[in-house]
Amino acid sequence: MTAFILDLIQSWGYAGIFVLMLLENVFPPIPSEVIMGLGGIAVAKGRFDFWTLIAVAVAGTSAGNWVWYAVGRWIGYERLKPFVDRHGRWLTLDWAQVERLHGGFLKYGPGIVFAARFMPVARTMVSLPAGMVRMNQAKFLAWTAAGSTIWITALAGAGSWFGGRFANLDAFVGPVALVAIGSLVLLYIYRVVTWKSKEKGE
């Protein structure tokens, strides 16, 4: 995966960053930590301008999040129940939990969208309920961009700082990414295996 990310950054430049950040939010297993870490290293090597990198990455992230927002808006809250009832184990959610999430989102939607930008997986999937409750699109994109700017700047800044001080740092990013992705997969498997529906009293 790291080789794919590096190849796209090297061959497409800023456009590669935009595409990767869009994909990261459509397919969560592609980690923004790796993309922006490598982007920051490219800044240290003089390939990218730091703030242009940030602007392009935020634009890609916002576009990717809007995809899930549009899906949520299309599905709607009412049409979700049969899907949750059937596939609750794989979602590790039951309908009672969905209703609580829905109520919280109606009250604190903008804050939730902003805070979720700093959480793996949640930063992508939070767009789905935002669409379902038909949160104002401009407000959704504004809060997404606000949280994303902070997170992306921190990641790119770290990559640039380390990249300027350690030679061949990008060679170590791949193993770290594999460990991070593997940890997320194991956590999901654990949640599926141990999940019990409180509605059914299982």
C-alpha atoms as a PDB file:
ATOM      1  CA  MET A   1       0.000   0.000   0.000  1.00  0.00           C
ATOM      2  CA  THR A   2       2.827   2.388   0.854  1.00  0.00           C
ATOM      3  CA  ALA A   3       4.411   1.760  -2.555  1.00  0.00           C
ATOM      4  CA  PHE A   4       1.088   2.605  -4.234  1.00  0.00           C
ATOM      5  CA  ILE A   5       0.816   5.840  -2.245  1.00  0.00           C
ATOM      6  CA  LEU A   6       4.411   6.821  -3.026  1.00  0.00           C
ATOM      7  CA  ASP A   7       3.997   6.066  -6.725  1.00  0.00           C
ATOM      8  CA  LEU A   8       0.837   8.167  -6.947  1.00  0.00           C
ATOM      9  CA  ILE A   9       2.433  11.092  -5.098  1.00  0.00           C
ATOM     10  CA  GLN A  10       5.557  10.953  -7.254  1.00  0.00           C
ATOM     11  CA  SER A  11       3.738  10.641 -10.574  1.00  0.00           C
ATOM     12  CA  TRP A  12       0.694  12.874  -9.943  1.00  0.00           C
ATOM     13  CA  GLY A  13       2.024  15.385  -7.423  1.00  0.00           C
ATOM     14  CA  TYR A  14      -0.690  17.467  -5.750  1.00  0.00           C
ATOM     15  CA  ALA A  15      -3.363  15.702  -7.806  1.00  0.00           C
ATOM     16  CA  GLY A  16      -2.158  12.430  -6.292  1.00  0.00           C
ATOM     17  CA  ILE A  17      -2.576  13.863  -2.791  1.00  0.00           C
ATOM     18  CA  PHE A  18      -6.122  14.978  -3.642  1.00  0.00           C
ATOM     19  CA  VAL A  19      -7.078  11.552  -5.035  1.00  0.00           C
ATOM     20  CA  LEU A  20      -5.500   9.678  -2.114  1.00  0.00           C
ATOM     21  CA  MET A  21      -7.247  11.816   0.501  1.00  0.00           C
ATOM     22  CA  LEU A  22     -10.556  11.422  -1.328  1.00  0.00           C
ATOM     23  CA  LEU A  23     -10.097   7.644  -1.435  1.00  0.00           C
ATOM     24  CA  GLU A  24      -9.034   7.573   2.223  1.00  0.00           C
ATOM     25  CA  ASN A  25     -12.443   8.885   3.166  1.00  0.00           C
ATOM     26  CA  VAL A  26     -14.356   6.565   0.837  1.00  0.00           C
ATOM     27  CA  PHE A  27     -12.326   3.464   1.784  1.00  0.00           C
ATOM     28  CA  PRO A  28     -11.194   3.956   5.415  1.00  0.00           C
ATOM     29  CA  PRO A  29      -8.416   1.276   5.353  1.00  0.00           C
ATOM     30  CA  ILE A  30      -6.291   3.753   3.348  1.00  0.00           C
ATOM     31  CA  PRO A  31      -4.826   5.749   6.269  1.00  0.00           C
ATOM     32  CA  SER A  32      -4.481   9.519   6.098  1.00  0.00           C
ATOM     33  CA  GLU A  33      -1.662   9.224   8.621  1.00  0.00           C
ATOM     34  CA  VAL A  34       0.474   7.489   5.989  1.00  0.00           C
ATOM     35  CA  ILE A  35      -0.599   9.760   3.117  1.00  0.00           C
ATOM     36  CA  MET A  36       0.084  12.991   4.962  1.00  0.00           C
ATOM     37  CA  GLY A  37       3.191  11.622   6.654  1.00  0.00           C
ATOM     38  CA  LEU A  38       4.659  10.892   3.225  1.00  0.00           C
ATOM     39  CA  GLY A  39       3.370  14.248   1.975  1.00  0.00           C
ATOM     40  CA  GLY A  40       5.207  15.952   4.827  1.00  0.00           C
ATOM     41  CA  ILE A  41       8.388  14.060   3.981  1.00  0.00           C
ATOM     42  CA  ALA A  42       7.993  15.292   0.382  1.00  0.00           C
ATOM     43  CA  VAL A  43       7.798  18.847   1.766  1.00  0.00           C
ATOM     44  CA  ALA A  44      11.063  18.299   3.626  1.00  0.00           C
ATOM     45  CA  LYS A  45      12.644  17.143   0.362  1.00  0.00           C
ATOM     46  CA  GLY A  46      11.442  20.272  -1.438  1.00  0.00           C
ATOM     47  CA  ARG A  47       8.884  18.525  -3.633  1.00  0.00           C
ATOM     48  CA  PHE A  48       5.778  20.227  -2.183  1.00  0.00           C
ATOM     49  CA  ASP A  49       4.912  23.575  -0.672  1.00  0.00           C
ATOM     50  CA  PHE A  50       3.573  22.941   2.826  1.00  0.00           C
ATOM     51  CA  TRP A  51       0.427  25.098   2.724  1.00  0.00           C
ATOM     52  CA  THR A  52      -0.466  24.093  -0.815  1.00  0.00           C
ATOM     53  CA  LEU A  53      -0.223  20.476   0.340  1.00  0.00           C
ATOM     54  CA  ILE A  54      -2.576  21.225   3.249  1.00  0.00           C
ATOM     55  CA  ALA A  55      -5.121  22.992   1.019  1.00  0.00           C
ATOM     56  CA  VAL A  56      -5.160  20.167  -1.537  1.00  0.00           C
ATOM     57  CA  ALA A  57      -5.427  17.488   1.161  1.00  0.00           C
ATOM     58  CA  VAL A  58      -8.317  19.278   2.918  1.00  0.00           C
ATOM     59  CA  ALA A  59     -10.119  19.611  -0.418  1.00  0.00           C
ATOM     60  CA  GLY A  60      -9.687  15.877  -1.096  1.00  0.00           C
ATOM     61  CA  THR A  61     -10.832  14.952   2.407  1.00  0.00           C
ATOM     62  CA  SER A  62     -13.907  17.164   2.161  1.00  0.00           C
ATOM     63  CA  ALA A  63     -14.828  15.682  -1.230  1.00  0.00           C
ATOM     64  CA  GLY A  64     -14.474  12.129   0.111  1.00  0.00           C
ATOM     65  CA  ASN A  65     -16.610  12.905   3.133  1.00  0.00           C
ATOM     66  CA  TRP A  66     -19.274  14.437   0.925  1.00  0.00           C
ATOM     67  CA  VAL A  67     -19.592  11.067  -0.877  1.00  0.00           C
ATOM     68  CA  TRP A  68     -20.707   9.388   2.361  1.00  0.00           C
ATOM     69  CA  TYR A  69     -22.863  12.393   3.224  1.00  0.00           C
ATOM     70  CA  ALA A  70     -24.664  11.969  -0.126  1.00  0.00           C
ATOM     71  CA  VAL A  71     -25.116   8.235   0.525  1.00  0.00           C
ATOM     72  CA  GLY A  72     -26.631   8.968   3.943  1.00  0.00           C
ATOM     73  CA  ARG A  73     -28.931  11.597   2.492  1.00  0.00           C
ATOM     74  CA  TRP A  74     -30.069   9.145  -0.193  1.00  0.00           C
ATOM     75  CA  ILE A  75     -30.671   6.271   2.248  1.00  0.00           C
ATOM     76  CA  GLY A  76     -32.464   8.367   4.841  1.00  0.00           C
ATOM     77  CA  TYR A  77     -33.027   7.507   8.486  1.00  0.00           C
ATOM     78  CA  GLU A  78     -36.217   5.472   8.042  1.00  0.00           C
ATOM     79  CA  ARG A  79     -34.815   3.181   5.338  1.00  0.00           C
ATOM     80  CA  LEU A  80     -31.870   2.213   7.517  1.00  0.00           C
ATOM     81  CA  LYS A  81     -33.767   0.130  10.106  1.00  0.00           C
ATOM     82  CA  PRO A  82     -34.246  -3.085   8.052  1.00  0.00           C
ATOM     83  CA  PHE A  83     -30.547  -3.049   7.173  1.00  0.00           C
ATOM     84  CA  VAL A  84     -29.489  -2.601  10.810  1.00  0.00           C
ATOM     85  CA  ASP A  85     -31.905  -5.307  11.991  1.00  0.00           C
ATOM     86  CA  ARG A  86     -30.432  -7.753   9.474  1.00  0.00           C
ATOM     87  CA  HIS A  87     -26.745  -6.861   9.704  1.00  0.00           C
ATOM     88  CA  GLY A  88     -26.435  -5.480  13.222  1.00  0.00           C
ATOM     89  CA  ARG A  89     -23.658  -7.871  14.213  1.00  0.00           C
ATOM     90  CA  TRP A  90     -21.428  -6.793  11.334  1.00  0.00           C
ATOM     91  CA  LEU A  91     -22.148  -3.139  12.073  1.00  0.00           C
ATOM     92  CA  THR A  92     -21.780  -3.831  15.823  1.00  0.00           C
ATOM     93  CA  LEU A  93     -24.907  -1.709  16.282  1.00  0.00           C
ATOM     94  CA  ASP A  94     -28.555  -2.368  17.093  1.00  0.00           C
ATOM     95  CA  TRP A  95     -31.444  -0.030  16.303  1.00  0.00           C
ATOM     96  CA  ALA A  96     -31.634   1.360  19.861  1.00  0.00           C
ATOM     97  CA  GLN A  97     -28.037   2.519  19.537  1.00  0.00           C
ATOM     98  CA  VAL A  98     -28.766   4.029  16.121  1.00  0.00           C
ATOM     99  CA  GLU A  99     -31.683   5.972  17.607  1.00  0.00           C
ATOM    100  CA  ARG A 100     -29.459   7.346  20.370  1.00  0.00           C
ATOM    101  CA  LEU A 101     -26.828   8.348  17.813  1.00  0.00           C
ATOM    102  CA  HIS A 102     -29.507   9.958  15.679  1.00  0.00           C
ATOM    103  CA  GLY A 103     -30.844  11.993  18.601  1.00  0.00           C
ATOM    104  CA  GLY A 104     -27.368  13.129  19.578  1.00  0.00           C
ATOM    105  CA  PHE A 105     -26.588  14.130  16.029  1.00  0.00           C
ATOM    106  CA  LEU A 106     -29.715  16.257  15.803  1.00  0.00           C
ATOM    107  CA  LYS A 107     -28.540  18.201  18.871  1.00  0.00           C
ATOM    108  CA  TYR A 108     -24.788  18.298  18.424  1.00  0.00           C
ATOM    109  CA  GLY A 109     -24.210  17.542  14.737  1.00  0.00           C
ATOM    110  CA  PRO A 110     -21.603  20.233  13.920  1.00  0.00           C
ATOM    111  CA  GLY A 111     -19.546  19.444  17.026  1.00  0.00           C
ATOM    112  CA  ILE A 112     -19.655  15.724  16.296  1.00  0.00           C
ATOM    113  CA  VAL A 113     -18.527  16.260  12.698  1.00  0.00           C
ATOM    114  CA  PHE A 114     -15.651  18.452  13.913  1.00  0.00           C
ATOM    115  CA  ALA A 115     -14.513  16.102  16.709  1.00  0.00           C
ATOM    116  CA  ALA A 116     -14.741  12.986  14.529  1.00  0.00           C
ATOM    117  CA  ARG A 117     -11.991  14.338  12.254  1.00  0.00           C
ATOM    118  CA  PHE A 118      -9.460  13.285  14.893  1.00  0.00           C
ATOM    119  CA  MET A 119     -10.703   9.677  15.186  1.00  0.00           C
ATOM    120  CA  PRO A 120      -9.759   6.779  12.878  1.00  0.00           C
ATOM    121  CA  VAL A 121     -12.702   5.330  10.895  1.00  0.00           C
ATOM    122  CA  ALA A 122     -15.177   7.650  12.708  1.00  0.00           C
ATOM    123  CA  ARG A 123     -13.881  10.589  10.691  1.00  0.00           C
ATOM    124  CA  THR A 124     -15.258   8.899   7.584  1.00  0.00           C
ATOM    125  CA  MET A 125     -18.393   7.222   8.886  1.00  0.00           C
ATOM    126  CA  VAL A 126     -19.662  10.329  10.708  1.00  0.00           C
ATOM    127  CA  SER A 127     -20.617  11.687   7.277  1.00  0.00           C
ATOM    128  CA  LEU A 128     -23.301   9.008   6.936  1.00  0.00           C
ATOM    129  CA  PRO A 129     -25.518  10.172   9.832  1.00  0.00           C
ATOM    130  CA  ALA A 130     -24.857  13.778   8.822  1.00  0.00           C
ATOM    131  CA  GLY A 131     -26.515  13.009   5.509  1.00  0.00           C
ATOM    132  CA  MET A 132     -29.307  11.018   7.124  1.00  0.00           C
ATOM    133  CA  VAL A 133     -30.377  13.927   9.335  1.00  0.00           C
ATOM    134  CA  ARG A 134     -30.019  16.233   6.291  1.00  0.00           C
ATOM    135  CA  MET A 135     -27.512  18.499   7.968  1.00  0.00           C
ATOM    136  CA  ASN A 136     -27.000  21.667   5.952  1.00  0.00           C
ATOM    137  CA  GLN A 137     -24.413  20.817   3.294  1.00  0.00           C
ATOM    138  CA  ALA A 138     -22.460  24.066   3.599  1.00  0.00           C
ATOM    139  CA  LYS A 139     -22.308  23.674   7.384  1.00  0.00           C
ATOM    140  CA  PHE A 140     -21.264  20.034   7.055  1.00  0.00           C
ATOM    141  CA  LEU A 141     -18.432  20.871   4.650  1.00  0.00           C
ATOM    142  CA  ALA A 142     -17.315  23.845   6.759  1.00  0.00           C
ATOM    143  CA  TRP A 143     -17.012  21.782   9.962  1.00  0.00           C
ATOM    144  CA  THR A 144     -15.410  18.909   8.058  1.00  0.00           C
ATOM    145  CA  ALA A 145     -12.811  21.265   6.578  1.00  0.00           C
ATOM    146  CA  ALA A 146     -12.183  22.940   9.952  1.00  0.00           C
ATOM    147  CA  GLY A 147     -11.435  19.694  11.772  1.00  0.00           C
ATOM    148  CA  SER A 148      -9.543  18.244   8.811  1.00  0.00           C
ATOM    149  CA  THR A 149      -7.274  21.281   8.538  1.00  0.00           C
ATOM    150  CA  ILE A 150      -6.058  20.841  12.116  1.00  0.00           C
ATOM    151  CA  TRP A 151      -5.533  17.086  11.783  1.00  0.00           C
ATOM    152  CA  ILE A 152      -3.895  17.226   8.346  1.00  0.00           C
ATOM    153  CA  THR A 153      -1.604  20.100   9.355  1.00  0.00           C
ATOM    154  CA  ALA A 154      -0.432  18.118  12.389  1.00  0.00           C
ATOM    155  CA  LEU A 155       0.270  15.002  10.312  1.00  0.00           C
ATOM    156  CA  ALA A 156       2.030  16.844   7.499  1.00  0.00           C
ATOM    157  CA  GLY A 157       3.982  18.922  10.005  1.00  0.00           C
ATOM    158  CA  ALA A 158       5.198  15.792  11.776  1.00  0.00           C
ATOM    159  CA  GLY A 159       6.183  14.196   8.467  1.00  0.00           C
ATOM    160  CA  SER A 160       8.049  17.334   7.412  1.00  0.00           C
ATOM    161  CA  TRP A 161       9.839  17.647  10.751  1.00  0.00           C
ATOM    162  CA  PHE A 162      10.977  14.026  10.853  1.00  0.00           C
ATOM    163  CA  GLY A 163      11.693  13.961   7.124  1.00  0.00           C
ATOM    164  CA  GLY A 164      14.071  16.866   7.494  1.00  0.00           C
ATOM    165  CA  ARG A 165      16.037  15.134  10.254  1.00  0.00           C
ATOM    166  CA  PHE A 166      16.155  11.456   9.315  1.00  0.00           C
ATOM    167  CA  ALA A 167      17.299  10.053   5.980  1.00  0.00           C
ATOM    168  CA  ASN A 168      15.144   7.396   4.251  1.00  0.00           C
ATOM    169  CA  LEU A 169      12.348   7.874   6.784  1.00  0.00           C
ATOM    170  CA  ASP A 170       9.749   6.878   4.186  1.00  0.00           C
ATOM    171  CA  ALA A 171      11.128   3.328   4.244  1.00  0.00           C
ATOM    172  CA  PHE A 172       9.769   2.925   7.781  1.00  0.00           C
ATOM    173  CA  VAL A 173       6.277   4.249   7.044  1.00  0.00           C
ATOM    174  CA  GLY A 174       5.088   1.045   5.373  1.00  0.00           C
ATOM    175  CA  PRO A 175       5.648  -1.280   8.371  1.00  0.00           C
ATOM    176  CA  VAL A 176       4.061   1.264  10.720  1.00  0.00           C
ATOM    177  CA  ALA A 177       1.029   1.518   8.424  1.00  0.00           C
ATOM    178  CA  LEU A 178       0.649  -2.276   8.321  1.00  0.00           C
ATOM    179  CA  VAL A 179       0.689  -2.443  12.114  1.00  0.00           C
ATOM    180  CA  ALA A 180      -1.923   0.328  12.360  1.00  0.00           C
ATOM    181  CA  ILE A 181      -4.232  -1.276   9.779  1.00  0.00           C
ATOM    182  CA  GLY A 182      -3.796  -4.717  11.347  1.00  0.00           C
ATOM    183  CA  SER A 183      -4.711  -3.315  14.765  1.00  0.00           C
ATOM    184  CA  LEU A 184      -7.915  -1.778  13.376  1.00  0.00           C
ATOM    185  CA  VAL A 185      -8.863  -5.055  11.686  1.00  0.00           C
ATOM    186  CA  LEU A 186      -8.286  -7.038  14.885  1.00  0.00           C
ATOM    187  CA  LEU A 187     -10.316  -4.537  16.892  1.00  0.00           C
ATOM    188  CA  TYR A 188     -13.202  -4.859  14.440  1.00  0.00           C
ATOM    189  CA  ILE A 189     -13.065  -8.680  14.556  1.00  0.00           C
ATOM    190  CA  TYR A 190     -13.119  -8.549  18.350  1.00  0.00           C
ATOM    191  CA  ARG A 191     -16.171  -6.261  18.308  1.00  0.00           C
ATOM    192  CA  VAL A 192     -18.015  -8.556  15.889  1.00  0.00           C
ATOM    193  CA  VAL A 193     -17.243 -11.703  17.897  1.00  0.00           C
ATOM    194  CA  THR A 194     -18.192 -10.178  21.261  1.00  0.00           C
ATOM    195  CA  TRP A 195     -21.142  -8.065  20.071  1.00  0.00           C
ATOM    196  CA  LYS A 196     -24.540  -8.687  21.659  1.00  0.00           C
ATOM    197  CA  SER A 197     -27.778  -6.956  20.771  1.00  0.00           C
ATOM    198  CA  LYS A 198     -29.276  -5.298  23.838  1.00  0.00           C
ATOM    199  CA  GLU A 199     -32.628  -5.130  22.043  1.00  0.00           C
ATOM    200  CA  LYS A 200     -32.869  -8.909  21.815  1.00  0.00           C
ATOM    201  CA  GLY A 201     -31.386  -9.461  25.221  1.00  0.00           C
ATOM    202  CA  GLU A 202     -28.698 -11.739  23.803  1.00  0.00           C
END
